Amino acid sequence: MAQSIVNSWDEVPLFDNEQSEAGFWLENQIELRLMEGAKTAASEVSESVTITLRMDPRMLGRIKRLARSRFLNYQSMIKQWLSERMEKELRER
């Protein structure tokens, strides 16, 4: 049986448990450029400033689960989201 190719992290669902995640990965594989992009983004290190951000614990839990399903650090994913949104806002000016 041929595996389906995952071309976007949006194609990876949130899993209820490890068994459903294992089943998904038996039938799907990540497109190489997508995986390379994740590795590159994670390895890009720049000077940063520490901030404190308060948020609802349930929201943080959902963010962590989503990041884990994408094999990302949740803080890196939040920074990526903020960066993408900032670029969008700047383009729309």
C-alpha atoms as a PDB file:
ATOM      1  CA  MET A   1       0.000   0.000   0.000  1.00  0.00           C
ATOM      2  CA  ALA A   2       1.443   3.393  -1.025  1.00  0.00           C
ATOM      3  CA  GLN A   3       1.723   6.082   1.612  1.00  0.00           C
ATOM      4  CA  SER A   4       0.114   9.489   1.105  1.00  0.00           C
ATOM      5  CA  ILE A   5       2.487  12.443   1.127  1.00  0.00           C
ATOM      6  CA  VAL A   6       1.912  15.234   3.662  1.00  0.00           C
ATOM      7  CA  ASN A   7       2.802  18.506   1.895  1.00  0.00           C
ATOM      8  CA  SER A   8       1.695  20.927   4.616  1.00  0.00           C
ATOM      9  CA  TRP A   9       1.672  20.818   8.413  1.00  0.00           C
ATOM     10  CA  ASP A  10      -2.016  21.764   8.161  1.00  0.00           C
ATOM     11  CA  GLU A  11      -2.662  18.272   6.766  1.00  0.00           C
ATOM     12  CA  VAL A  12      -1.528  16.704  10.054  1.00  0.00           C
ATOM     13  CA  PRO A  13      -4.518  16.373  12.389  1.00  0.00           C
ATOM     14  CA  LEU A  14      -4.560  16.757  16.142  1.00  0.00           C
ATOM     15  CA  PHE A  15      -4.453  13.262  17.580  1.00  0.00           C
ATOM     16  CA  ASP A  16      -6.551  12.029  20.484  1.00  0.00           C
ATOM     17  CA  ASN A  17      -3.968   9.427  21.460  1.00  0.00           C
ATOM     18  CA  GLU A  18      -0.716   7.797  20.387  1.00  0.00           C
ATOM     19  CA  GLN A  19      -2.553   4.930  18.705  1.00  0.00           C
ATOM     20  CA  SER A  20      -4.388   7.247  16.304  1.00  0.00           C
ATOM     21  CA  GLU A  21      -1.129   9.101  15.633  1.00  0.00           C
ATOM     22  CA  ALA A  22       0.681   5.828  14.881  1.00  0.00           C
ATOM     23  CA  GLY A  23      -2.116   4.837  12.496  1.00  0.00           C
ATOM     24  CA  PHE A  24      -1.840   8.158  10.685  1.00  0.00           C
ATOM     25  CA  TRP A  25       1.925   7.818  10.213  1.00  0.00           C
ATOM     26  CA  LEU A  26       1.558   4.244   8.942  1.00  0.00           C
ATOM     27  CA  GLU A  27      -0.479   5.636   6.051  1.00  0.00           C
ATOM     28  CA  ASN A  28       1.277   8.986   5.547  1.00  0.00           C
ATOM     29  CA  GLN A  29       4.768  10.376   5.224  1.00  0.00           C
ATOM     30  CA  ILE A  30       6.128  13.915   5.328  1.00  0.00           C
ATOM     31  CA  GLU A  31       7.310  15.487   2.094  1.00  0.00           C
ATOM     32  CA  LEU A  32      11.097  15.928   2.284  1.00  0.00           C
ATOM     33  CA  ARG A  33      11.108  19.716   1.727  1.00  0.00           C
ATOM     34  CA  LEU A  34       8.580  20.166   4.534  1.00  0.00           C
ATOM     35  CA  MET A  35      10.780  18.234   6.962  1.00  0.00           C
ATOM     36  CA  GLU A  36      13.909  20.092   5.819  1.00  0.00           C
ATOM     37  CA  GLY A  37      12.087  23.401   6.343  1.00  0.00           C
ATOM     38  CA  ALA A  38      11.178  22.404   9.887  1.00  0.00           C
ATOM     39  CA  LYS A  39      14.778  21.438  10.622  1.00  0.00           C
ATOM     40  CA  THR A  40      16.090  24.713   9.147  1.00  0.00           C
ATOM     41  CA  ALA A  41      13.596  26.840  11.090  1.00  0.00           C
ATOM     42  CA  ALA A  42      14.492  25.068  14.322  1.00  0.00           C
ATOM     43  CA  SER A  43      18.219  25.521  13.769  1.00  0.00           C
ATOM     44  CA  GLU A  44      18.098  29.240  12.998  1.00  0.00           C
ATOM     45  CA  VAL A  45      19.370  30.867  16.144  1.00  0.00           C
ATOM     46  CA  SER A  46      19.318  34.604  16.613  1.00  0.00           C
ATOM     47  CA  GLU A  47      19.594  36.934  19.529  1.00  0.00           C
ATOM     48  CA  SER A  48      16.343  36.998  21.440  1.00  0.00           C
ATOM     49  CA  VAL A  49      14.677  38.745  24.334  1.00  0.00           C
ATOM     50  CA  THR A  50      12.737  36.884  26.994  1.00  0.00           C
ATOM     51  CA  ILE A  51       9.161  38.061  27.566  1.00  0.00           C
ATOM     52  CA  THR A  52       6.329  36.941  29.803  1.00  0.00           C
ATOM     53  CA  LEU A  53       2.996  36.188  28.186  1.00  0.00           C
ATOM     54  CA  ARG A  54      -0.003  35.135  30.233  1.00  0.00           C
ATOM     55  CA  MET A  55      -2.560  32.861  28.604  1.00  0.00           C
ATOM     56  CA  ASP A  56      -5.343  30.495  29.477  1.00  0.00           C
ATOM     57  CA  PRO A  57      -3.891  27.081  30.469  1.00  0.00           C
ATOM     58  CA  ARG A  58      -6.342  25.298  28.162  1.00  0.00           C
ATOM     59  CA  MET A  59      -5.177  27.378  25.219  1.00  0.00           C
ATOM     60  CA  LEU A  60      -1.548  26.626  26.041  1.00  0.00           C
ATOM     61  CA  GLY A  61      -2.370  22.922  26.258  1.00  0.00           C
ATOM     62  CA  ARG A  62      -3.980  23.009  22.826  1.00  0.00           C
ATOM     63  CA  ILE A  63      -0.994  24.896  21.394  1.00  0.00           C
ATOM     64  CA  LYS A  64       1.415  22.335  22.873  1.00  0.00           C
ATOM     65  CA  ARG A  65      -0.572  19.419  21.424  1.00  0.00           C
ATOM     66  CA  LEU A  66      -0.689  21.075  18.014  1.00  0.00           C
ATOM     67  CA  ALA A  67       3.059  21.777  18.096  1.00  0.00           C
ATOM     68  CA  ARG A  68       3.801  18.203  19.177  1.00  0.00           C
ATOM     69  CA  SER A  69       1.724  16.843  16.289  1.00  0.00           C
ATOM     70  CA  ARG A  70       3.881  18.932  13.948  1.00  0.00           C
ATOM     71  CA  PHE A  71       7.130  17.869  15.633  1.00  0.00           C
ATOM     72  CA  LEU A  72       7.815  21.465  16.679  1.00  0.00           C
ATOM     73  CA  ASN A  73       8.690  23.161  19.930  1.00  0.00           C
ATOM     74  CA  TYR A  74       5.569  25.065  20.986  1.00  0.00           C
ATOM     75  CA  GLN A  75       7.503  28.287  21.647  1.00  0.00           C
ATOM     76  CA  SER A  76       9.062  28.125  18.173  1.00  0.00           C
ATOM     77  CA  MET A  77       5.647  27.552  16.639  1.00  0.00           C
ATOM     78  CA  ILE A  78       4.210  30.581  18.474  1.00  0.00           C
ATOM     79  CA  LYS A  79       7.127  32.711  17.241  1.00  0.00           C
ATOM     80  CA  GLN A  80       6.534  31.431  13.705  1.00  0.00           C
ATOM     81  CA  TRP A  81       2.835  32.347  13.947  1.00  0.00           C
ATOM     82  CA  LEU A  82       3.664  35.820  15.238  1.00  0.00           C
ATOM     83  CA  SER A  83       6.226  36.348  12.493  1.00  0.00           C
ATOM     84  CA  GLU A  84       3.788  35.224   9.777  1.00  0.00           C
ATOM     85  CA  ARG A  85       1.040  37.477  11.125  1.00  0.00           C
ATOM     86  CA  MET A  86       3.388  40.448  11.433  1.00  0.00           C
ATOM     87  CA  GLU A  87       4.487  40.023   7.803  1.00  0.00           C
ATOM     88  CA  LYS A  88       0.841  39.817   6.705  1.00  0.00           C
ATOM     89  CA  GLU A  89      -0.052  42.965   8.645  1.00  0.00           C
ATOM     90  CA  LEU A  90       2.893  44.840   7.160  1.00  0.00           C
ATOM     91  CA  ARG A  91       1.995  43.751   3.607  1.00  0.00           C
ATOM     92  CA  GLU A  92      -1.588  44.959   4.065  1.00  0.00           C
ATOM     93  CA  ARG A  93      -0.576  48.479   5.105  1.00  0.00           C
END
